[in-house]
Amino acid sequence: MDIEKIRENLLKKKAEILESLANNNSEDLNEKSGVEDAADVVTSEMSRETLYKLSQAERETLFYIDIALKKIENGTYGVCEECGAQIGEKRLEAIPWVRLCIDCSQNEEIQRSFSNKSDDIGFYHIIPGTIEDEDSGKIPE
């Protein structure tokens, strides 16, 4: 594995993200103002929300790129943060800022999936019962 080439790719991706964030911020400042109808307002809000989510993802990637660059400096690049095993070379070439080996990454996804499902279920349990449930004395599930 050519660490110097990976380092260059990380720095290149970092520069692209920083440029993209700078462009998004300048577009926000140059946003037009004036008379807009309801459809324009909704479209504008939706695109602003999408842009926010994209820039959040870019910020997260930037954070992981910085970590990967530090790992290159201290000689721990390519080691899974969870189990300590070597991360596959093809995986590192595809996503050079990756933190976990494929097995640990899959385990994390499974845990996240179960966590999200239990959050959704918990949300629905806060909905109050119907009047019919109250009259019968039955506790809603």
N, C-alpha and C. Protein backbone atom coordinates (compact mmCIF):
# COMPACT_ATOMS: atom_id res chain seq x y z
N MET A 1 0.85 -1.18 0.00
CA MET A 1 0.00 0.00 0.00
C MET A 1 0.90 1.24 0.00
N ASP A 2 0.59 2.15 -0.90
CA ASP A 2 1.38 3.36 -1.05
C ASP A 2 0.79 4.46 -0.14
N ILE A 3 1.36 4.59 1.04
CA ILE A 3 0.86 5.55 2.05
C ILE A 3 0.93 6.98 1.53
N GLU A 4 1.98 7.31 0.81
CA GLU A 4 2.14 8.68 0.31
C GLU A 4 1.04 9.03 -0.68
N LYS A 5 0.67 8.07 -1.53
CA LYS A 5 -0.41 8.29 -2.50
C LYS A 5 -1.75 8.48 -1.75
N ILE A 6 -1.97 7.67 -0.72
CA ILE A 6 -3.20 7.80 0.08
C ILE A 6 -3.22 9.15 0.77
N ARG A 7 -2.09 9.58 1.30
CA ARG A 7 -2.00 10.88 1.96
C ARG A 7 -2.35 12.00 0.97
N GLU A 8 -1.83 11.91 -0.25
CA GLU A 8 -2.14 12.91 -1.28
C GLU A 8 -3.63 12.92 -1.62
N ASN A 9 -4.23 11.71 -1.71
CA ASN A 9 -5.66 11.62 -2.00
C ASN A 9 -6.49 12.22 -0.87
N LEU A 10 -6.08 11.98 0.37
CA LEU A 10 -6.78 12.56 1.52
C LEU A 10 -6.71 14.09 1.49
N LEU A 11 -5.53 14.62 1.21
CA LEU A 11 -5.36 16.08 1.15
C LEU A 11 -6.17 16.68 -0.01
N LYS A 12 -6.24 15.96 -1.13
CA LYS A 12 -7.01 16.43 -2.28
C LYS A 12 -8.50 16.46 -1.93
N LYS A 13 -8.99 15.39 -1.30
CA LYS A 13 -10.41 15.33 -0.92
C LYS A 13 -10.72 16.43 0.11
N LYS A 14 -9.81 16.65 1.03
CA LYS A 14 -9.99 17.70 2.04
C LYS A 14 -10.13 19.07 1.37
N ALA A 15 -9.28 19.35 0.40
CA ALA A 15 -9.34 20.62 -0.32
C ALA A 15 -10.66 20.76 -1.08
N GLU A 16 -11.13 19.67 -1.68
CA GLU A 16 -12.41 19.70 -2.41
C GLU A 16 -13.56 20.02 -1.47
N ILE A 17 -13.57 19.39 -0.31
CA ILE A 17 -14.64 19.62 0.66
C ILE A 17 -14.61 21.05 1.17
N LEU A 18 -13.42 21.55 1.49
CA LEU A 18 -13.31 22.93 1.97
C LEU A 18 -13.78 23.92 0.91
N GLU A 19 -13.44 23.66 -0.33
CA GLU A 19 -13.89 24.53 -1.42
C GLU A 19 -15.41 24.46 -1.58
N SER A 20 -15.97 23.26 -1.48
CA SER A 20 -17.41 23.09 -1.59
C SER A 20 -18.14 23.81 -0.46
N LEU A 21 -17.63 23.68 0.76
CA LEU A 21 -18.24 24.38 1.89
C LEU A 21 -18.16 25.89 1.72
N ALA A 22 -17.03 26.37 1.22
CA ALA A 22 -16.87 27.81 1.00
C ALA A 22 -17.86 28.29 -0.05
N ASN A 23 -18.05 27.51 -1.12
CA ASN A 23 -19.00 27.88 -2.17
C ASN A 23 -20.43 27.88 -1.64
N ASN A 24 -20.78 26.88 -0.83
CA ASN A 24 -22.13 26.82 -0.25
C ASN A 24 -22.39 28.02 0.65
N ASN A 25 -21.41 28.41 1.44
CA ASN A 25 -21.57 29.56 2.33
C ASN A 25 -21.71 30.85 1.54
N SER A 26 -20.96 31.00 0.46
CA SER A 26 -21.07 32.24 -0.33
C SER A 26 -22.40 32.28 -1.08
N GLU A 27 -22.93 31.11 -1.48
CA GLU A 27 -24.25 31.08 -2.13
C GLU A 27 -25.33 31.51 -1.14
N ASP A 28 -25.20 31.08 0.11
CA ASP A 28 -26.17 31.48 1.13
C ASP A 28 -26.17 33.00 1.30
N LEU A 29 -24.99 33.61 1.28
CA LEU A 29 -24.89 35.05 1.45
C LEU A 29 -25.46 35.80 0.26
N ASN A 30 -25.34 35.22 -0.93
CA ASN A 30 -25.79 35.88 -2.14
C ASN A 30 -27.23 35.51 -2.51
N GLU A 31 -27.93 34.82 -1.61
CA GLU A 31 -29.29 34.38 -1.89
C GLU A 31 -30.17 35.58 -2.16
N LYS A 32 -31.02 35.43 -3.18
CA LYS A 32 -31.87 36.57 -3.55
C LYS A 32 -32.94 36.82 -2.51
N SER A 33 -33.36 38.05 -2.42
CA SER A 33 -34.46 38.41 -1.54
C SER A 33 -35.47 39.17 -2.37
N GLY A 34 -36.69 39.14 -1.94
CA GLY A 34 -37.73 39.83 -2.68
C GLY A 34 -39.06 39.16 -2.45
N VAL A 35 -39.95 39.36 -3.40
CA VAL A 35 -41.30 38.83 -3.28
C VAL A 35 -41.29 37.39 -3.77
N GLU A 36 -41.73 36.48 -2.89
CA GLU A 36 -41.79 35.07 -3.25
C GLU A 36 -43.17 34.55 -2.88
N ASP A 37 -43.68 33.64 -3.71
CA ASP A 37 -44.94 33.01 -3.32
C ASP A 37 -44.66 31.79 -2.44
N ALA A 38 -45.70 31.14 -1.98
CA ALA A 38 -45.56 30.03 -1.03
C ALA A 38 -44.72 28.89 -1.61
N ALA A 39 -44.90 28.59 -2.89
CA ALA A 39 -44.14 27.51 -3.53
C ALA A 39 -42.65 27.83 -3.55
N ASP A 40 -42.31 29.09 -3.83
CA ASP A 40 -40.91 29.50 -3.82
C ASP A 40 -40.30 29.36 -2.44
N VAL A 41 -41.05 29.72 -1.42
CA VAL A 41 -40.56 29.63 -0.05
C VAL A 41 -40.30 28.17 0.32
N VAL A 42 -41.24 27.28 0.00
CA VAL A 42 -41.10 25.86 0.31
C VAL A 42 -39.89 25.28 -0.43
N THR A 43 -39.77 25.60 -1.72
CA THR A 43 -38.64 25.10 -2.50
C THR A 43 -37.33 25.60 -1.94
N SER A 44 -37.29 26.87 -1.57
CA SER A 44 -36.09 27.46 -1.00
C SER A 44 -35.72 26.78 0.31
N GLU A 45 -36.71 26.54 1.17
CA GLU A 45 -36.45 25.88 2.46
C GLU A 45 -35.97 24.46 2.26
N MET A 46 -36.57 23.74 1.31
CA MET A 46 -36.16 22.35 1.05
C MET A 46 -34.73 22.31 0.54
N SER A 47 -34.37 23.21 -0.36
CA SER A 47 -33.00 23.19 -0.88
C SER A 47 -32.01 23.61 0.20
N ARG A 48 -32.40 24.53 1.07
CA ARG A 48 -31.54 24.94 2.18
C ARG A 48 -31.32 23.77 3.14
N GLU A 49 -32.39 23.01 3.41
CA GLU A 49 -32.28 21.85 4.30
C GLU A 49 -31.38 20.78 3.68
N THR A 50 -31.55 20.54 2.40
CA THR A 50 -30.71 19.56 1.70
C THR A 50 -29.26 20.00 1.73
N LEU A 51 -29.02 21.27 1.48
CA LEU A 51 -27.66 21.81 1.50
C LEU A 51 -27.06 21.66 2.89
N TYR A 52 -27.86 21.91 3.93
CA TYR A 52 -27.38 21.76 5.30
C TYR A 52 -26.97 20.32 5.58
N LYS A 53 -27.80 19.37 5.17
CA LYS A 53 -27.49 17.96 5.39
C LYS A 53 -26.23 17.56 4.63
N LEU A 54 -26.10 18.04 3.41
CA LEU A 54 -24.91 17.72 2.63
C LEU A 54 -23.67 18.30 3.29
N SER A 55 -23.76 19.51 3.75
CA SER A 55 -22.58 20.11 4.36
C SER A 55 -22.26 19.44 5.70
N GLN A 56 -23.27 18.92 6.40
CA GLN A 56 -23.01 18.16 7.62
C GLN A 56 -22.23 16.89 7.29
N ALA A 57 -22.64 16.21 6.21
CA ALA A 57 -21.93 15.00 5.79
C ALA A 57 -20.50 15.34 5.37
N GLU A 58 -20.35 16.47 4.69
CA GLU A 58 -19.00 16.89 4.29
C GLU A 58 -18.15 17.22 5.51
N ARG A 59 -18.75 17.86 6.50
CA ARG A 59 -18.00 18.19 7.72
C ARG A 59 -17.56 16.92 8.44
N GLU A 60 -18.43 15.92 8.46
CA GLU A 60 -18.08 14.65 9.09
C GLU A 60 -16.93 13.98 8.33
N THR A 61 -17.01 13.98 7.01
CA THR A 61 -15.93 13.40 6.21
C THR A 61 -14.63 14.15 6.45
N LEU A 62 -14.70 15.45 6.54
CA LEU A 62 -13.52 16.26 6.81
C LEU A 62 -12.89 15.88 8.14
N PHE A 63 -13.71 15.65 9.15
CA PHE A 63 -13.24 15.22 10.47
C PHE A 63 -12.49 13.89 10.35
N TYR A 64 -13.09 12.93 9.63
CA TYR A 64 -12.46 11.62 9.47
C TYR A 64 -11.18 11.69 8.63
N ILE A 65 -11.14 12.59 7.68
CA ILE A 65 -9.92 12.78 6.89
C ILE A 65 -8.80 13.28 7.79
N ASP A 66 -9.10 14.24 8.65
CA ASP A 66 -8.09 14.75 9.58
C ASP A 66 -7.57 13.64 10.50
N ILE A 67 -8.46 12.79 10.96
CA ILE A 67 -8.04 11.65 11.80
C ILE A 67 -7.13 10.73 11.01
N ALA A 68 -7.51 10.43 9.77
CA ALA A 68 -6.69 9.54 8.92
C ALA A 68 -5.30 10.13 8.70
N LEU A 69 -5.22 11.44 8.47
CA LEU A 69 -3.92 12.08 8.27
C LEU A 69 -3.06 11.99 9.53
N LYS A 70 -3.68 12.15 10.69
CA LYS A 70 -2.94 12.01 11.95
C LYS A 70 -2.45 10.57 12.13
N LYS A 71 -3.27 9.61 11.74
CA LYS A 71 -2.88 8.20 11.84
C LYS A 71 -1.70 7.90 10.92
N ILE A 72 -1.67 8.51 9.76
CA ILE A 72 -0.53 8.33 8.86
C ILE A 72 0.74 8.85 9.53
N GLU A 73 0.62 10.03 10.16
CA GLU A 73 1.77 10.63 10.85
C GLU A 73 2.30 9.74 11.98
N ASN A 74 1.37 9.14 12.76
CA ASN A 74 1.84 8.36 13.90
C ASN A 74 1.96 6.86 13.64
N GLY A 75 1.75 6.44 12.38
CA GLY A 75 1.99 5.05 12.00
C GLY A 75 0.88 4.07 12.33
N THR A 76 -0.32 4.57 12.63
CA THR A 76 -1.43 3.67 12.94
C THR A 76 -2.48 3.62 11.84
N TYR A 77 -2.18 4.18 10.69
CA TYR A 77 -3.14 4.19 9.58
C TYR A 77 -3.40 2.77 9.09
N GLY A 78 -4.67 2.47 8.84
CA GLY A 78 -5.04 1.16 8.32
C GLY A 78 -5.37 0.14 9.39
N VAL A 79 -5.43 0.59 10.65
CA VAL A 79 -5.76 -0.30 11.76
C VAL A 79 -7.17 0.02 12.22
N CYS A 80 -8.01 -1.01 12.35
CA CYS A 80 -9.40 -0.85 12.78
C CYS A 80 -9.43 -0.29 14.21
N GLU A 81 -10.22 0.75 14.41
CA GLU A 81 -10.34 1.37 15.73
C GLU A 81 -11.09 0.48 16.72
N GLU A 82 -11.89 -0.44 16.22
CA GLU A 82 -12.70 -1.28 17.09
C GLU A 82 -11.96 -2.54 17.53
N CYS A 83 -11.43 -3.31 16.57
CA CYS A 83 -10.85 -4.61 16.92
C CYS A 83 -9.33 -4.65 16.79
N GLY A 84 -8.71 -3.64 16.16
CA GLY A 84 -7.26 -3.60 16.03
C GLY A 84 -6.71 -4.37 14.85
N ALA A 85 -7.58 -4.97 14.05
CA ALA A 85 -7.14 -5.73 12.87
C ALA A 85 -6.77 -4.76 11.74
N GLN A 86 -6.01 -5.24 10.78
CA GLN A 86 -5.68 -4.45 9.61
C GLN A 86 -6.92 -4.28 8.73
N ILE A 87 -7.15 -3.08 8.26
CA ILE A 87 -8.25 -2.81 7.34
C ILE A 87 -7.76 -3.19 5.95
N GLY A 88 -8.62 -3.82 5.17
CA GLY A 88 -8.26 -4.27 3.83
C GLY A 88 -7.78 -3.14 2.94
N GLU A 89 -6.78 -3.45 2.13
CA GLU A 89 -6.18 -2.44 1.25
C GLU A 89 -7.20 -1.87 0.26
N LYS A 90 -8.05 -2.73 -0.30
CA LYS A 90 -9.05 -2.26 -1.25
C LYS A 90 -10.05 -1.32 -0.57
N ARG A 91 -10.38 -1.63 0.66
CA ARG A 91 -11.30 -0.77 1.43
C ARG A 91 -10.67 0.60 1.67
N LEU A 92 -9.39 0.61 2.02
CA LEU A 92 -8.68 1.87 2.25
C LEU A 92 -8.53 2.68 0.96
N GLU A 93 -8.35 1.99 -0.16
CA GLU A 93 -8.25 2.71 -1.43
C GLU A 93 -9.58 3.33 -1.80
N ALA A 94 -10.69 2.61 -1.52
CA ALA A 94 -12.02 3.12 -1.86
C ALA A 94 -12.44 4.27 -0.95
N ILE A 95 -12.18 4.11 0.35
CA ILE A 95 -12.55 5.13 1.34
C ILE A 95 -11.35 5.32 2.25
N PRO A 96 -10.41 6.17 1.86
CA PRO A 96 -9.16 6.27 2.61
C PRO A 96 -9.30 6.81 4.03
N TRP A 97 -10.44 7.38 4.39
CA TRP A 97 -10.65 7.90 5.74
C TRP A 97 -11.44 6.92 6.61
N VAL A 98 -11.64 5.70 6.13
CA VAL A 98 -12.42 4.72 6.86
C VAL A 98 -11.73 4.37 8.18
N ARG A 99 -12.53 4.16 9.24
CA ARG A 99 -12.00 3.92 10.59
C ARG A 99 -12.08 2.46 11.01
N LEU A 100 -12.99 1.70 10.38
CA LEU A 100 -13.27 0.35 10.82
C LEU A 100 -13.06 -0.66 9.69
N CYS A 101 -12.69 -1.89 10.08
CA CYS A 101 -12.63 -2.98 9.11
C CYS A 101 -14.06 -3.31 8.67
N ILE A 102 -14.20 -4.11 7.65
CA ILE A 102 -15.53 -4.40 7.10
C ILE A 102 -16.43 -5.09 8.13
N ASP A 103 -15.88 -6.02 8.91
CA ASP A 103 -16.69 -6.73 9.90
C ASP A 103 -17.21 -5.78 10.98
N CYS A 104 -16.35 -4.97 11.52
CA CYS A 104 -16.76 -4.02 12.57
C CYS A 104 -17.73 -2.98 12.01
N SER A 105 -17.53 -2.59 10.77
CA SER A 105 -18.43 -1.63 10.14
C SER A 105 -19.82 -2.22 9.99
N GLN A 106 -19.90 -3.48 9.58
CA GLN A 106 -21.20 -4.13 9.45
C GLN A 106 -21.88 -4.27 10.81
N ASN A 107 -21.11 -4.63 11.83
CA ASN A 107 -21.67 -4.72 13.18
C ASN A 107 -22.22 -3.38 13.65
N GLU A 108 -21.50 -2.30 13.36
CA GLU A 108 -21.95 -0.96 13.74
C GLU A 108 -23.26 -0.61 13.03
N GLU A 109 -23.37 -0.97 11.75
CA GLU A 109 -24.59 -0.71 10.99
C GLU A 109 -25.78 -1.47 11.57
N ILE A 110 -25.55 -2.72 11.95
CA ILE A 110 -26.62 -3.52 12.54
C ILE A 110 -27.08 -2.89 13.85
N GLN A 111 -26.13 -2.49 14.68
CA GLN A 111 -26.49 -1.85 15.95
C GLN A 111 -27.24 -0.54 15.72
N ARG A 112 -26.80 0.23 14.75
CA ARG A 112 -27.46 1.50 14.43
C ARG A 112 -28.88 1.24 13.93
N SER A 113 -29.04 0.21 13.13
CA SER A 113 -30.35 -0.14 12.59
C SER A 113 -31.31 -0.51 13.71
N PHE A 114 -30.87 -1.34 14.66
CA PHE A 114 -31.72 -1.71 15.79
C PHE A 114 -32.01 -0.51 16.67
N SER A 115 -31.04 0.34 16.85
CA SER A 115 -31.22 1.54 17.67
C SER A 115 -32.28 2.44 17.06
N ASN A 116 -32.21 2.64 15.74
CA ASN A 116 -33.19 3.50 15.06
C ASN A 116 -34.58 2.91 15.14
N LYS A 117 -34.71 1.58 15.03
CA LYS A 117 -36.03 0.95 15.12
C LYS A 117 -36.61 1.12 16.51
N SER A 118 -35.82 0.96 17.54
CA SER A 118 -36.36 1.10 18.90
C SER A 118 -36.72 2.56 19.18
N ASP A 119 -35.99 3.51 18.59
CA ASP A 119 -36.35 4.92 18.73
C ASP A 119 -37.71 5.19 18.10
N ASP A 120 -37.96 4.60 16.93
CA ASP A 120 -39.24 4.79 16.25
C ASP A 120 -40.38 4.19 17.06
N ILE A 121 -40.17 3.01 17.61
CA ILE A 121 -41.20 2.35 18.41
C ILE A 121 -41.51 3.19 19.64
N GLY A 122 -40.49 3.69 20.32
CA GLY A 122 -40.67 4.51 21.50
C GLY A 122 -41.47 5.76 21.20
N PHE A 123 -41.29 6.31 20.02
CA PHE A 123 -42.01 7.52 19.63
C PHE A 123 -43.50 7.25 19.57
N TYR A 124 -43.89 6.10 19.04
CA TYR A 124 -45.31 5.81 18.89
C TYR A 124 -45.99 5.49 20.21
N HIS A 125 -45.25 5.14 21.23
CA HIS A 125 -45.85 4.84 22.52
C HIS A 125 -46.22 6.11 23.29
N ILE A 126 -45.83 7.26 22.81
CA ILE A 126 -46.21 8.49 23.52
C ILE A 126 -47.54 9.04 23.03
N ILE A 127 -48.09 8.43 21.98
CA ILE A 127 -49.37 8.89 21.46
C ILE A 127 -50.46 8.46 22.44
N PRO A 128 -51.29 9.39 22.89
CA PRO A 128 -52.31 9.04 23.88
C PRO A 128 -53.35 8.10 23.29
N GLY A 129 -54.00 7.35 24.18
CA GLY A 129 -55.06 6.43 23.77
C GLY A 129 -56.29 7.19 23.30
N THR A 130 -57.24 6.45 22.74
CA THR A 130 -58.46 7.08 22.26
C THR A 130 -59.45 7.22 23.40
N ILE A 131 -60.52 7.94 23.16
CA ILE A 131 -61.57 8.11 24.16
C ILE A 131 -62.18 6.76 24.50
N GLU A 132 -62.33 5.91 23.48
CA GLU A 132 -62.89 4.58 23.70
C GLU A 132 -62.06 3.80 24.70
N ASP A 133 -60.72 3.90 24.63
CA ASP A 133 -59.83 3.21 25.56
C ASP A 133 -60.05 3.73 26.98
N GLU A 134 -60.25 5.04 27.11
CA GLU A 134 -60.45 5.62 28.43
C GLU A 134 -61.76 5.17 29.06
N ASP A 135 -62.82 5.07 28.22
CA ASP A 135 -64.13 4.65 28.72
C ASP A 135 -64.12 3.20 29.20
N SER A 136 -63.36 2.35 28.51
CA SER A 136 -63.37 0.94 28.87
C SER A 136 -62.44 0.65 30.04
N GLY A 137 -61.62 1.62 30.39
CA GLY A 137 -60.66 1.40 31.48
C GLY A 137 -59.45 0.59 31.03
N LYS A 138 -59.40 0.30 29.77
CA LYS A 138 -58.32 -0.50 29.20
C LYS A 138 -57.13 0.42 28.94
N ILE A 139 -55.94 -0.04 29.31
CA ILE A 139 -54.71 0.73 29.09
C ILE A 139 -54.24 0.46 27.67
N PRO A 140 -54.08 1.50 26.86
CA PRO A 140 -53.62 1.29 25.48
C PRO A 140 -52.20 0.76 25.45
N GLU A 141 -51.92 -0.07 24.47
CA GLU A 141 -50.57 -0.64 24.32
C GLU A 141 -49.72 0.23 23.46
